[in-house]
């Protein structure tokens, strides 16, 4: 099982390495932060703090793909340069150790204030609020591949913290469950897990029993020919989050910004609906393309 998981992770990293990212043109520098709080899985924290910020800036957590790192996400995505332009802090969590995929599979990861990777990432957010004066009501999450899986998990585990998220090529919360630390779930990755909206929604609600407050909005991105994480998972994510957010599975808005791109919105037709899904005909495991990071920021509310 471990050999299969490692081979799959390497395959995802090879595909991720071919992504058409734009290098950041940044005025500030990436800085490592040590001793940021509870860190049960020995994660590393990197932050990018633009020179010009509002008094209480927003925070965007950006999670890397399998075998990637926080510095990789800084170097090969557009989020740092966009932070310079729009004035928010970027946190880049980074895995250490020999398994470079985020833990979205264990019991400890799939609950509020657990004892795995999500708990360490949450400590990073709390550090930014305590030490940078960040706005606790403007915390957002995005990620690629394994990082998109973590985005789904963080929004489920900490609905009281995250306002919105954008997941590039992920899977539903709990889809990757194995009960083991950083386990690999082939049934999920290949698109062989199907549940009802109620079943998916109940899993999210079980992450934080008793929580009755507002839930974060989510934006989803996936290519139809994704061989790393099957496109079937996009439909399952839509079922999950429309149920969690209490809106119909029937889109209220559908358009095609490009011939290969179908965009659907659920709950309302605004640019910031409860759920938005973006499907790309013929694309593989190769998102985001240049320009998509800005669209993610606009959905989350970090850019006008």
Protein backbone atom coordinates (compact mmCIF):
# COMPACT_ATOMS: atom_id res chain seq x y z
CA UNK A 1 0.00 0.00 0.00
CA UNK A 2 2.77 2.46 0.84
CA UNK A 3 4.54 1.74 -2.46
CA UNK A 4 1.31 2.41 -4.34
CA UNK A 5 0.73 5.61 -2.43
CA UNK A 6 4.27 6.81 -3.05
CA UNK A 7 4.05 6.05 -6.76
CA UNK A 8 0.77 7.92 -7.00
CA UNK A 9 2.18 10.90 -5.12
CA UNK A 10 5.20 11.03 -7.39
CA UNK A 11 2.93 10.89 -10.43
CA UNK A 12 0.97 13.84 -9.10
CA UNK A 13 4.16 15.78 -8.44
CA UNK A 14 5.42 15.16 -11.98
CA UNK A 15 2.14 16.44 -13.39
CA UNK A 16 2.20 19.41 -11.02
CA UNK A 17 5.71 20.22 -12.15
CA UNK A 18 4.41 20.87 -15.66
CA UNK A 19 1.90 23.51 -14.56
CA UNK A 20 2.07 26.83 -16.36
CA UNK A 21 2.62 29.00 -13.33
CA UNK A 22 3.77 32.58 -13.47
CA UNK A 23 6.77 33.45 -11.30
CA UNK A 24 6.04 36.12 -8.69
CA UNK A 25 7.29 39.64 -9.19
CA UNK A 26 7.44 40.51 -5.53
CA UNK A 27 8.81 43.47 -3.61
CA UNK A 28 9.02 41.69 -0.25
CA UNK A 29 10.59 38.31 0.53
CA UNK A 30 9.46 34.91 1.72
CA UNK A 31 10.26 34.41 5.41
CA UNK A 32 10.21 31.29 7.55
CA UNK A 33 8.46 31.54 10.91
CA UNK A 34 9.49 29.22 13.73
CA UNK A 35 7.71 28.46 17.01
CA UNK A 36 4.29 29.42 15.68
CA UNK A 37 2.35 27.24 18.10
CA UNK A 38 0.92 23.74 18.27
CA UNK A 39 2.54 21.78 15.46
CA UNK A 40 1.96 18.04 15.93
CA UNK A 41 3.31 16.98 12.51
CA UNK A 42 6.39 19.23 12.38
CA UNK A 43 5.20 21.46 9.54
CA UNK A 44 7.16 24.50 8.45
CA UNK A 45 5.55 27.91 8.15
CA UNK A 46 6.49 30.48 5.54
CA UNK A 47 4.87 33.87 5.21
CA UNK A 48 4.88 36.62 2.62
CA UNK A 49 4.10 40.06 4.01
CA UNK A 50 3.81 42.81 1.38
CA UNK A 51 5.38 46.18 2.11
CA UNK A 52 1.98 47.91 2.00
CA UNK A 53 -0.85 46.46 4.05
CA UNK A 54 -4.00 47.74 5.71
CA UNK A 55 -3.92 47.92 9.50
CA UNK A 56 -5.65 44.56 9.90
CA UNK A 57 -4.89 42.61 6.72
CA UNK A 58 -6.59 39.50 5.43
CA UNK A 59 -4.74 36.17 5.44
CA UNK A 60 -4.63 33.69 2.58
CA UNK A 61 -3.30 30.18 3.27
CA UNK A 62 -1.85 28.56 0.12
CA UNK A 63 -1.25 24.79 0.32
CA UNK A 64 1.16 22.93 -1.99
CA UNK A 65 0.72 19.77 -4.04
CA UNK A 66 2.19 16.31 -3.23
CA UNK A 67 6.01 16.48 -3.00
CA UNK A 68 5.85 20.27 -3.30
CA UNK A 69 6.67 22.80 -0.60
CA UNK A 70 5.69 26.21 0.67
CA UNK A 71 8.60 27.85 -1.21
CA UNK A 72 7.50 26.03 -4.38
CA UNK A 73 4.06 27.57 -4.08
CA UNK A 74 5.64 30.98 -3.54
CA UNK A 75 7.95 30.63 -6.54
CA UNK A 76 5.55 29.10 -9.04
CA UNK A 77 2.16 30.68 -8.38
CA UNK A 78 0.85 34.21 -8.68
CA UNK A 79 -0.37 34.69 -5.12
CA UNK A 80 2.62 36.68 -3.81
CA UNK A 81 2.53 39.23 -6.62
CA UNK A 82 -1.23 39.52 -6.19
CA UNK A 83 -0.71 40.08 -2.46
CA UNK A 84 1.54 43.03 -3.35
CA UNK A 85 -1.24 44.43 -5.50
CA UNK A 86 -4.21 43.85 -3.20
CA UNK A 87 -2.65 43.98 0.26
CA UNK A 88 -3.00 40.71 2.16
CA UNK A 89 -0.66 38.28 3.94
CA UNK A 90 0.08 34.90 2.36
CA UNK A 91 0.90 31.87 4.51
CA UNK A 92 2.61 28.94 2.81
CA UNK A 93 2.56 25.82 5.02
CA UNK A 94 5.15 23.19 4.11
CA UNK A 95 5.38 19.48 4.89
CA UNK A 96 8.56 17.97 6.32
CA UNK A 97 9.40 14.25 6.40
CA UNK A 98 9.23 11.61 3.71
CA UNK A 99 5.51 11.71 2.89
CA UNK A 100 4.88 15.00 1.12
CA UNK A 101 1.09 14.76 0.73
CA UNK A 102 -1.17 16.50 3.26
CA UNK A 103 -2.94 14.38 5.83
CA UNK A 104 -6.56 14.39 4.74
CA UNK A 105 -7.05 10.70 5.55
CA UNK A 106 -6.75 10.19 9.32
CA UNK A 107 -9.26 10.62 12.12
CA UNK A 108 -6.95 13.20 13.69
CA UNK A 109 -7.03 15.33 10.53
CA UNK A 110 -10.76 15.19 9.95
CA UNK A 111 -11.99 17.02 13.02
CA UNK A 112 -11.98 20.45 14.60
CA UNK A 113 -8.87 21.04 16.73
CA UNK A 114 -7.44 17.61 15.95
CA UNK A 115 -3.82 16.51 16.12
CA UNK A 116 -2.49 16.37 12.57
CA UNK A 117 -1.61 18.68 9.66
CA UNK A 118 -4.78 20.81 9.83
CA UNK A 119 -4.06 21.65 13.48
CA UNK A 120 -0.59 22.92 12.56
CA UNK A 121 -1.96 25.01 9.69
CA UNK A 122 -4.54 26.48 12.05
CA UNK A 123 -1.72 27.46 14.43
CA UNK A 124 -0.15 29.44 11.59
CA UNK A 125 -3.37 31.38 11.10
CA UNK A 126 -3.63 32.09 14.82
CA UNK A 127 -0.01 33.27 14.82
CA UNK A 128 -0.75 35.77 12.06
CA UNK A 129 -3.74 37.13 13.96
CA UNK A 130 -1.77 37.43 17.22
CA UNK A 131 1.53 38.70 15.80
CA UNK A 132 0.64 40.59 12.60
CA UNK A 133 -2.70 41.99 13.66
CA UNK A 134 -4.40 40.08 10.88
CA UNK A 135 -8.17 40.30 10.59
CA UNK A 136 -9.67 37.20 12.16
CA UNK A 137 -12.79 37.70 10.05
CA UNK A 138 -10.89 37.65 6.76
CA UNK A 139 -9.10 34.30 6.59
CA UNK A 140 -9.11 32.36 3.32
CA UNK A 141 -7.69 29.11 1.93
CA UNK A 142 -6.58 27.79 -1.42
CA UNK A 143 -4.48 24.88 -2.65
CA UNK A 144 -3.49 22.69 -5.57
CA UNK A 145 -4.10 18.91 -5.76
CA UNK A 146 -3.23 17.58 -2.29
CA UNK A 147 -3.43 21.22 -1.17
CA UNK A 148 -6.93 21.42 -2.65
CA UNK A 149 -7.88 18.36 -0.60
CA UNK A 150 -6.53 20.19 2.45
CA UNK A 151 -8.61 23.23 1.50
CA UNK A 152 -11.76 21.11 1.65
CA UNK A 153 -10.65 19.74 5.02
CA UNK A 154 -9.77 23.11 6.55
CA UNK A 155 -13.12 24.58 5.54
CA UNK A 156 -14.88 21.61 7.14
CA UNK A 157 -12.74 21.51 10.29
CA UNK A 158 -12.71 25.27 10.90
CA UNK A 159 -15.91 26.84 9.54
CA UNK A 160 -15.65 29.41 12.33
CA UNK A 161 -12.32 30.65 10.95
CA UNK A 162 -12.34 30.50 7.15
CA UNK A 163 -14.58 32.84 5.20
CA UNK A 164 -14.09 31.21 1.78
CA UNK A 165 -11.80 28.88 -0.14
CA UNK A 166 -10.78 27.91 -3.66
CA UNK A 167 -9.74 24.33 -4.43
CA UNK A 168 -7.80 23.53 -7.61
CA UNK A 169 -8.22 19.81 -8.48
CA UNK A 170 -9.31 18.46 -5.12
CA UNK A 171 -11.73 15.91 -3.69
CA UNK A 172 -14.60 16.19 -1.19
CA UNK A 173 -13.94 16.35 2.51
CA UNK A 174 -13.57 12.79 3.91
CA UNK A 175 -13.34 11.21 0.43
CA UNK A 176 -9.68 10.33 1.06
CA UNK A 177 -10.36 8.76 4.46
CA UNK A 178 -8.27 5.68 5.33
CA UNK A 179 -7.94 6.08 9.09
CA UNK A 180 -4.16 6.28 8.65
CA UNK A 181 -1.79 9.25 8.74
CA UNK A 182 -1.35 10.67 5.23
CA UNK A 183 -2.90 7.54 3.78
CA UNK A 184 -3.67 7.15 0.08
CA UNK A 185 -7.22 6.33 -1.00
CA UNK A 186 -7.16 4.99 -4.55
CA UNK A 187 -10.94 4.62 -4.73
CA UNK A 188 -11.25 8.36 -4.15
CA UNK A 189 -8.41 9.43 -6.44
CA UNK A 190 -9.80 7.36 -9.33
CA UNK A 191 -13.34 8.66 -8.89
CA UNK A 192 -14.94 5.50 -7.54
CA UNK A 193 -16.59 7.02 -4.47
CA UNK A 194 -20.12 8.34 -4.82
CA UNK A 195 -22.38 9.52 -2.00
CA UNK A 196 -25.64 11.41 -1.73
CA UNK A 197 -25.53 15.14 -0.99
CA UNK A 198 -26.90 14.43 2.49
CA UNK A 199 -24.20 11.82 3.18
CA UNK A 200 -21.44 14.18 2.04
CA UNK A 201 -22.93 17.07 3.99
CA UNK A 202 -23.29 15.01 7.17
CA UNK A 203 -19.58 14.17 6.98
CA UNK A 204 -18.69 17.87 6.92
CA UNK A 205 -21.01 18.61 9.80
CA UNK A 206 -19.45 15.77 11.79
CA UNK A 207 -16.07 17.52 11.66
CA UNK A 208 -17.25 20.08 14.20
CA UNK A 209 -20.21 18.64 16.11
CA UNK A 210 -22.57 21.23 17.48
CA UNK A 211 -21.35 24.06 15.29
CA UNK A 212 -24.30 26.11 14.01
CA UNK A 213 -22.64 29.26 12.69
CA UNK A 214 -22.01 30.40 9.13
CA UNK A 215 -20.10 28.18 6.70
CA UNK A 216 -17.41 29.26 4.23
CA UNK A 217 -18.17 29.63 0.53
CA UNK A 218 -16.15 27.46 -1.86
CA UNK A 219 -14.92 27.64 -5.44
CA UNK A 220 -13.95 24.43 -7.26
CA UNK A 221 -11.73 23.84 -10.31
CA UNK A 222 -11.13 20.61 -12.28
CA UNK A 223 -10.17 19.32 -15.73
CA UNK A 224 -12.22 16.59 -17.37
CA UNK A 225 -9.15 14.52 -18.29
CA UNK A 226 -7.47 14.68 -14.89
CA UNK A 227 -5.63 11.37 -14.42
CA UNK A 228 -4.27 12.29 -10.99
CA UNK A 229 -7.57 13.04 -9.26
CA UNK A 230 -10.53 12.02 -11.39
CA UNK A 231 -12.99 14.68 -12.57
CA UNK A 232 -15.80 12.68 -10.93
CA UNK A 233 -14.71 14.29 -7.67
CA UNK A 234 -15.84 17.71 -8.87
CA UNK A 235 -19.44 16.55 -9.00
CA UNK A 236 -19.11 15.00 -5.55
CA UNK A 237 -17.67 18.25 -4.15
CA UNK A 238 -20.61 20.15 -5.64
CA UNK A 239 -23.06 17.77 -3.97
CA UNK A 240 -21.24 18.10 -0.65
CA UNK A 241 -20.93 21.86 -0.42
CA UNK A 242 -24.35 22.74 -1.84
CA UNK A 243 -25.79 20.52 0.89
CA UNK A 244 -23.62 22.06 3.59
CA UNK A 245 -24.50 25.59 2.48
CA UNK A 246 -28.18 24.80 2.05
CA UNK A 247 -28.56 25.63 -1.64
CA UNK A 248 -29.92 23.69 -4.60
CA UNK A 249 -27.73 21.36 -6.64
CA UNK A 250 -29.25 22.94 -9.71
CA UNK A 251 -27.08 25.86 -10.85
CA UNK A 252 -28.72 29.28 -11.00
CA UNK A 253 -26.08 30.50 -13.44
CA UNK A 254 -24.09 28.75 -16.17
CA UNK A 255 -21.74 30.26 -18.72
CA UNK A 256 -18.71 29.44 -20.85
CA UNK A 257 -15.97 32.07 -20.47
CA UNK A 258 -14.06 30.00 -23.05
CA UNK A 259 -15.18 27.16 -25.33
CA UNK A 260 -13.58 24.52 -23.10
CA UNK A 261 -14.62 26.16 -19.82
CA UNK A 262 -17.99 25.64 -18.14
CA UNK A 263 -18.70 27.70 -15.03
CA UNK A 264 -21.68 27.04 -12.79
CA UNK A 265 -22.86 28.94 -9.72
CA UNK A 266 -25.11 27.64 -6.99
CA UNK A 267 -27.26 29.62 -4.57
CA UNK A 268 -27.05 32.89 -6.46
CA UNK A 269 -25.67 34.24 -9.73
CA UNK A 270 -23.23 36.76 -8.27
CA UNK A 271 -19.45 36.55 -8.59
CA UNK A 272 -19.35 35.42 -4.94
CA UNK A 273 -22.01 32.70 -4.69
CA UNK A 274 -22.04 30.03 -2.00
CA UNK A 275 -20.58 27.48 -4.46
CA UNK A 276 -18.92 27.94 -7.84
CA UNK A 277 -17.60 25.12 -10.04
CA UNK A 278 -15.25 25.43 -13.01
CA UNK A 279 -14.81 22.49 -15.39
CA UNK A 280 -12.32 22.45 -18.28
CA UNK A 281 -12.89 20.12 -21.21
CA UNK A 282 -9.71 18.25 -22.12
CA UNK A 283 -7.54 19.61 -19.29
CA UNK A 284 -5.57 17.17 -17.16
CA UNK A 285 -3.94 17.64 -13.76
CA UNK A 286 -2.59 21.06 -14.76
CA UNK A 287 -4.40 23.83 -12.89
CA UNK A 288 -4.24 26.67 -12.16
CA UNK A 289 -3.40 28.35 -15.44
CA UNK A 290 -2.16 31.95 -15.39
CA UNK A 291 -4.97 34.32 -14.46
CA UNK A 292 -6.92 31.77 -12.44
CA UNK A 293 -5.37 32.87 -9.15
CA UNK A 294 -6.87 36.33 -9.63
CA UNK A 295 -10.28 34.80 -10.29
CA UNK A 296 -9.90 32.83 -7.07
CA UNK A 297 -9.13 36.04 -5.17
CA UNK A 298 -12.17 37.74 -6.67
CA UNK A 299 -14.39 34.85 -5.62
CA UNK A 300 -12.99 34.88 -2.09
CA UNK A 301 -13.27 38.66 -1.82
CA UNK A 302 -9.57 39.49 -1.73
CA UNK A 303 -9.65 41.40 -5.04
CA UNK A 304 -12.36 43.61 -6.53
